[in-house]
Amino acid sequence: MYNFLQWAKSQLQVDARLIVLYCLVYFTWGMLMDWFGTQVEIARFTYWWQVITVYILYMVPISLLLRKLPFHAQYAYGLIAMGLLEFGGYALQSSYAYPDNLLDQFFNIRNFSLGMALFFALYFPLGNWGVGRIYKALFRKEVG
């Protein structure tokens, strides 16, 4: 347990600019996805500020923890994180799935949360890749 805590602490000790960049990118991404989900009536957050709690307070730290792992490992761990998040969001009704939405029609209502978790787990490897590219372009250095 002590080794894990040391590892996690080392993964989270990064340049403050990197954290700000993650927050900006993930907040924008979250607002766009919430808007898109609402427009096409797939799913949405109950309250707009959930973008902050989910994308910044939940996903940014997980992304930082996973950022040095290979793509497949980031996706696998991200799938666990998003599975728990999707389950909790719909169980607590802090997320709203539109009845008979596109995913329900295509995959079946019983597979909706699974489909959402499988899709959103890609955020971790893709987010880490994208933020890393932006960070390198802005600050001319690799993410450490």
C-alpha atoms as a PDB file:
ATOM      1  CA  MET A   1       0.000   0.000   0.000  1.00  0.00           C
ATOM      2  CA  TYR A   2       2.837   2.376   0.869  1.00  0.00           C
ATOM      3  CA  ASN A   3       4.437   1.831  -2.569  1.00  0.00           C
ATOM      4  CA  PHE A   4       1.152   2.621  -4.297  1.00  0.00           C
ATOM      5  CA  LEU A   5       0.768   5.844  -2.317  1.00  0.00           C
ATOM      6  CA  GLN A   6       4.334   6.877  -3.174  1.00  0.00           C
ATOM      7  CA  TRP A   7       3.691   6.117  -6.840  1.00  0.00           C
ATOM      8  CA  ALA A   8       0.390   8.041  -6.854  1.00  0.00           C
ATOM      9  CA  LYS A   9       1.993  11.026  -5.142  1.00  0.00           C
ATOM     10  CA  SER A  10       4.794  11.092  -7.718  1.00  0.00           C
ATOM     11  CA  GLN A  11       2.267  10.928 -10.588  1.00  0.00           C
ATOM     12  CA  LEU A  12       0.302  13.857  -9.173  1.00  0.00           C
ATOM     13  CA  GLN A  13       3.315  16.109  -8.557  1.00  0.00           C
ATOM     14  CA  VAL A  14       3.459  17.898 -11.893  1.00  0.00           C
ATOM     15  CA  ASP A  15       3.932  21.382 -13.281  1.00  0.00           C
ATOM     16  CA  ALA A  16       0.999  23.596 -12.259  1.00  0.00           C
ATOM     17  CA  ARG A  17       0.641  24.660 -15.903  1.00  0.00           C
ATOM     18  CA  LEU A  18      -0.053  21.049 -16.819  1.00  0.00           C
ATOM     19  CA  ILE A  19      -2.858  20.829 -14.263  1.00  0.00           C
ATOM     20  CA  VAL A  20      -4.376  24.098 -15.505  1.00  0.00           C
ATOM     21  CA  LEU A  21      -4.172  22.809 -19.073  1.00  0.00           C
ATOM     22  CA  TYR A  22      -5.883  19.542 -18.109  1.00  0.00           C
ATOM     23  CA  CYS A  23      -8.625  21.505 -16.332  1.00  0.00           C
ATOM     24  CA  LEU A  24      -9.200  23.829 -19.306  1.00  0.00           C
ATOM     25  CA  VAL A  25      -9.226  21.016 -21.866  1.00  0.00           C
ATOM     26  CA  TYR A  26     -11.397  18.667 -19.798  1.00  0.00           C
ATOM     27  CA  PHE A  27     -13.848  21.414 -18.765  1.00  0.00           C
ATOM     28  CA  THR A  28     -14.306  22.462 -22.391  1.00  0.00           C
ATOM     29  CA  TRP A  29     -14.596  18.825 -23.470  1.00  0.00           C
ATOM     30  CA  GLY A  30     -17.165  18.169 -20.730  1.00  0.00           C
ATOM     31  CA  MET A  31     -19.287  21.195 -21.598  1.00  0.00           C
ATOM     32  CA  LEU A  32     -19.259  20.224 -25.283  1.00  0.00           C
ATOM     33  CA  MET A  33     -20.191  16.621 -24.542  1.00  0.00           C
ATOM     34  CA  ASP A  34     -22.998  17.677 -22.177  1.00  0.00           C
ATOM     35  CA  TRP A  35     -24.284  20.085 -24.853  1.00  0.00           C
ATOM     36  CA  PHE A  36     -24.037  17.397 -27.560  1.00  0.00           C
ATOM     37  CA  GLY A  37     -25.741  14.766 -25.405  1.00  0.00           C
ATOM     38  CA  THR A  38     -28.566  17.205 -24.731  1.00  0.00           C
ATOM     39  CA  GLN A  39     -28.921  18.313 -28.363  1.00  0.00           C
ATOM     40  CA  VAL A  40     -29.168  14.780 -29.751  1.00  0.00           C
ATOM     41  CA  GLU A  41     -31.097  13.633 -26.674  1.00  0.00           C
ATOM     42  CA  ILE A  42     -28.805  10.822 -25.586  1.00  0.00           C
ATOM     43  CA  ALA A  43     -27.937  11.838 -22.027  1.00  0.00           C
ATOM     44  CA  ARG A  44     -27.064  14.901 -19.958  1.00  0.00           C
ATOM     45  CA  PHE A  45     -26.016  15.955 -16.513  1.00  0.00           C
ATOM     46  CA  THR A  46     -28.831  17.032 -14.212  1.00  0.00           C
ATOM     47  CA  TYR A  47     -26.878  20.205 -13.316  1.00  0.00           C
ATOM     48  CA  TRP A  48     -24.303  22.044 -15.459  1.00  0.00           C
ATOM     49  CA  TRP A  49     -21.781  22.204 -12.597  1.00  0.00           C
ATOM     50  CA  GLN A  50     -21.438  18.423 -12.681  1.00  0.00           C
ATOM     51  CA  VAL A  51     -19.016  19.019 -15.531  1.00  0.00           C
ATOM     52  CA  ILE A  52     -16.659  20.441 -12.879  1.00  0.00           C
ATOM     53  CA  THR A  53     -17.071  17.542 -10.451  1.00  0.00           C
ATOM     54  CA  VAL A  54     -16.821  14.850 -13.120  1.00  0.00           C
ATOM     55  CA  TYR A  55     -14.380  16.208 -15.679  1.00  0.00           C
ATOM     56  CA  ILE A  56     -12.089  18.217 -13.383  1.00  0.00           C
ATOM     57  CA  LEU A  57     -12.303  16.723  -9.884  1.00  0.00           C
ATOM     58  CA  TYR A  58     -12.709  13.098 -10.995  1.00  0.00           C
ATOM     59  CA  MET A  59     -11.203  12.690 -14.460  1.00  0.00           C
ATOM     60  CA  VAL A  60      -8.181  15.015 -14.251  1.00  0.00           C
ATOM     61  CA  PRO A  61      -6.595  13.224 -11.253  1.00  0.00           C
ATOM     62  CA  ILE A  62      -7.272   9.842 -12.856  1.00  0.00           C
ATOM     63  CA  SER A  63      -5.732  11.057 -16.116  1.00  0.00           C
ATOM     64  CA  LEU A  64      -2.648  12.232 -14.252  1.00  0.00           C
ATOM     65  CA  LEU A  65      -2.332   8.854 -12.550  1.00  0.00           C
ATOM     66  CA  LEU A  66      -2.673   6.968 -15.839  1.00  0.00           C
ATOM     67  CA  ARG A  67      -0.741   9.262 -18.181  1.00  0.00           C
ATOM     68  CA  LYS A  68       2.504   7.256 -18.348  1.00  0.00           C
ATOM     69  CA  LEU A  69       0.831   3.894 -18.920  1.00  0.00           C
ATOM     70  CA  PRO A  70       0.395   2.373 -22.380  1.00  0.00           C
ATOM     71  CA  PHE A  71      -2.833   3.151 -24.278  1.00  0.00           C
ATOM     72  CA  HIS A  72      -4.435  -0.228 -23.515  1.00  0.00           C
ATOM     73  CA  ALA A  73      -3.718   0.066 -19.789  1.00  0.00           C
ATOM     74  CA  GLN A  74      -5.082   3.618 -19.652  1.00  0.00           C
ATOM     75  CA  TYR A  75      -8.213   2.390 -21.402  1.00  0.00           C
ATOM     76  CA  ALA A  76      -8.608  -0.636 -19.113  1.00  0.00           C
ATOM     77  CA  TYR A  77      -8.201   1.372 -15.905  1.00  0.00           C
ATOM     78  CA  GLY A  78     -10.321   4.129 -17.406  1.00  0.00           C
ATOM     79  CA  LEU A  79     -13.055   1.597 -18.091  1.00  0.00           C
ATOM     80  CA  ILE A  80     -13.173   0.721 -14.396  1.00  0.00           C
ATOM     81  CA  ALA A  81     -13.280   4.406 -13.431  1.00  0.00           C
ATOM     82  CA  MET A  82     -15.979   5.245 -15.976  1.00  0.00           C
ATOM     83  CA  GLY A  83     -18.002   2.132 -15.180  1.00  0.00           C
ATOM     84  CA  LEU A  84     -18.204   3.206 -11.550  1.00  0.00           C
ATOM     85  CA  LEU A  85     -19.005   6.776 -12.571  1.00  0.00           C
ATOM     86  CA  GLU A  86     -21.747   5.779 -15.034  1.00  0.00           C
ATOM     87  CA  PHE A  87     -23.283   3.345 -12.563  1.00  0.00           C
ATOM     88  CA  GLY A  88     -23.265   5.941  -9.794  1.00  0.00           C
ATOM     89  CA  GLY A  89     -24.553   8.758 -11.996  1.00  0.00           C
ATOM     90  CA  TYR A  90     -27.596   6.863 -13.183  1.00  0.00           C
ATOM     91  CA  ALA A  91     -28.225   5.127  -9.842  1.00  0.00           C
ATOM     92  CA  LEU A  92     -28.212   8.474  -8.020  1.00  0.00           C
ATOM     93  CA  GLN A  93     -30.099  10.116 -10.905  1.00  0.00           C
ATOM     94  CA  SER A  94     -27.490  12.859 -11.210  1.00  0.00           C
ATOM     95  CA  SER A  95     -27.307  11.946 -14.894  1.00  0.00           C
ATOM     96  CA  TYR A  96     -30.334  11.740 -17.145  1.00  0.00           C
ATOM     97  CA  ALA A  97     -30.661   9.341 -20.061  1.00  0.00           C
ATOM     98  CA  TYR A  98     -33.305  10.376 -22.570  1.00  0.00           C
ATOM     99  CA  PRO A  99     -35.906   7.646 -23.098  1.00  0.00           C
ATOM    100  CA  ASP A 100     -35.537   5.679 -26.330  1.00  0.00           C
ATOM    101  CA  ASN A 101     -32.320   7.545 -27.234  1.00  0.00           C
ATOM    102  CA  LEU A 102     -30.036   6.568 -30.123  1.00  0.00           C
ATOM    103  CA  LEU A 103     -27.908   4.270 -27.980  1.00  0.00           C
ATOM    104  CA  ASP A 104     -30.993   2.530 -26.580  1.00  0.00           C
ATOM    105  CA  GLN A 105     -32.272   2.004 -30.122  1.00  0.00           C
ATOM    106  CA  PHE A 106     -28.961   0.738 -31.441  1.00  0.00           C
ATOM    107  CA  PHE A 107     -27.619  -1.307 -28.509  1.00  0.00           C
ATOM    108  CA  ASN A 108     -30.716  -1.933 -26.362  1.00  0.00           C
ATOM    109  CA  ILE A 109     -31.680  -0.125 -23.167  1.00  0.00           C
ATOM    110  CA  ARG A 110     -29.909  -2.721 -21.004  1.00  0.00           C
ATOM    111  CA  ASN A 111     -26.583  -1.874 -22.622  1.00  0.00           C
ATOM    112  CA  PHE A 112     -26.805   1.919 -22.381  1.00  0.00           C
ATOM    113  CA  SER A 113     -24.517   2.437 -19.354  1.00  0.00           C
ATOM    114  CA  LEU A 114     -22.067  -0.166 -20.620  1.00  0.00           C
ATOM    115  CA  GLY A 115     -21.879   1.606 -23.976  1.00  0.00           C
ATOM    116  CA  MET A 116     -21.343   4.940 -22.252  1.00  0.00           C
ATOM    117  CA  ALA A 117     -18.560   3.506 -20.060  1.00  0.00           C
ATOM    118  CA  LEU A 118     -16.859   1.851 -23.041  1.00  0.00           C
ATOM    119  CA  PHE A 119     -16.943   5.124 -24.972  1.00  0.00           C
ATOM    120  CA  PHE A 120     -15.928   7.472 -22.155  1.00  0.00           C
ATOM    121  CA  ALA A 121     -13.044   5.230 -21.059  1.00  0.00           C
ATOM    122  CA  LEU A 122     -11.318   6.445 -24.232  1.00  0.00           C
ATOM    123  CA  TYR A 123     -11.142   9.892 -22.630  1.00  0.00           C
ATOM    124  CA  PHE A 124      -8.166   8.902 -20.521  1.00  0.00           C
ATOM    125  CA  PRO A 125      -5.731   7.781 -23.244  1.00  0.00           C
ATOM    126  CA  LEU A 126      -7.024  10.345 -25.759  1.00  0.00           C
ATOM    127  CA  GLY A 127      -7.089  13.141 -23.178  1.00  0.00           C
ATOM    128  CA  ASN A 128      -3.560  12.366 -22.024  1.00  0.00           C
ATOM    129  CA  TRP A 129      -2.336  12.260 -25.610  1.00  0.00           C
ATOM    130  CA  GLY A 130      -4.072  15.534 -26.519  1.00  0.00           C
ATOM    131  CA  VAL A 131      -3.051  17.449 -23.405  1.00  0.00           C
ATOM    132  CA  GLY A 132       0.517  16.176 -23.832  1.00  0.00           C
ATOM    133  CA  ARG A 133       0.615  17.475 -27.403  1.00  0.00           C
ATOM    134  CA  ILE A 134      -0.799  20.882 -26.419  1.00  0.00           C
ATOM    135  CA  TYR A 135       1.566  21.141 -23.444  1.00  0.00           C
ATOM    136  CA  LYS A 136       4.570  20.353 -25.640  1.00  0.00           C
ATOM    137  CA  ALA A 137       3.452  22.899 -28.263  1.00  0.00           C
ATOM    138  CA  LEU A 138       2.876  25.659 -25.693  1.00  0.00           C
ATOM    139  CA  PHE A 139       5.813  25.105 -23.372  1.00  0.00           C
ATOM    140  CA  ARG A 140       8.306  23.322 -25.637  1.00  0.00           C
ATOM    141  CA  LYS A 141       8.832  20.492 -23.190  1.00  0.00           C
ATOM    142  CA  GLU A 142       7.602  16.971 -22.704  1.00  0.00           C
ATOM    143  CA  VAL A 143       5.062  16.135 -20.017  1.00  0.00           C
ATOM    144  CA  GLY A 144       7.124  14.781 -17.120  1.00  0.00           C
END
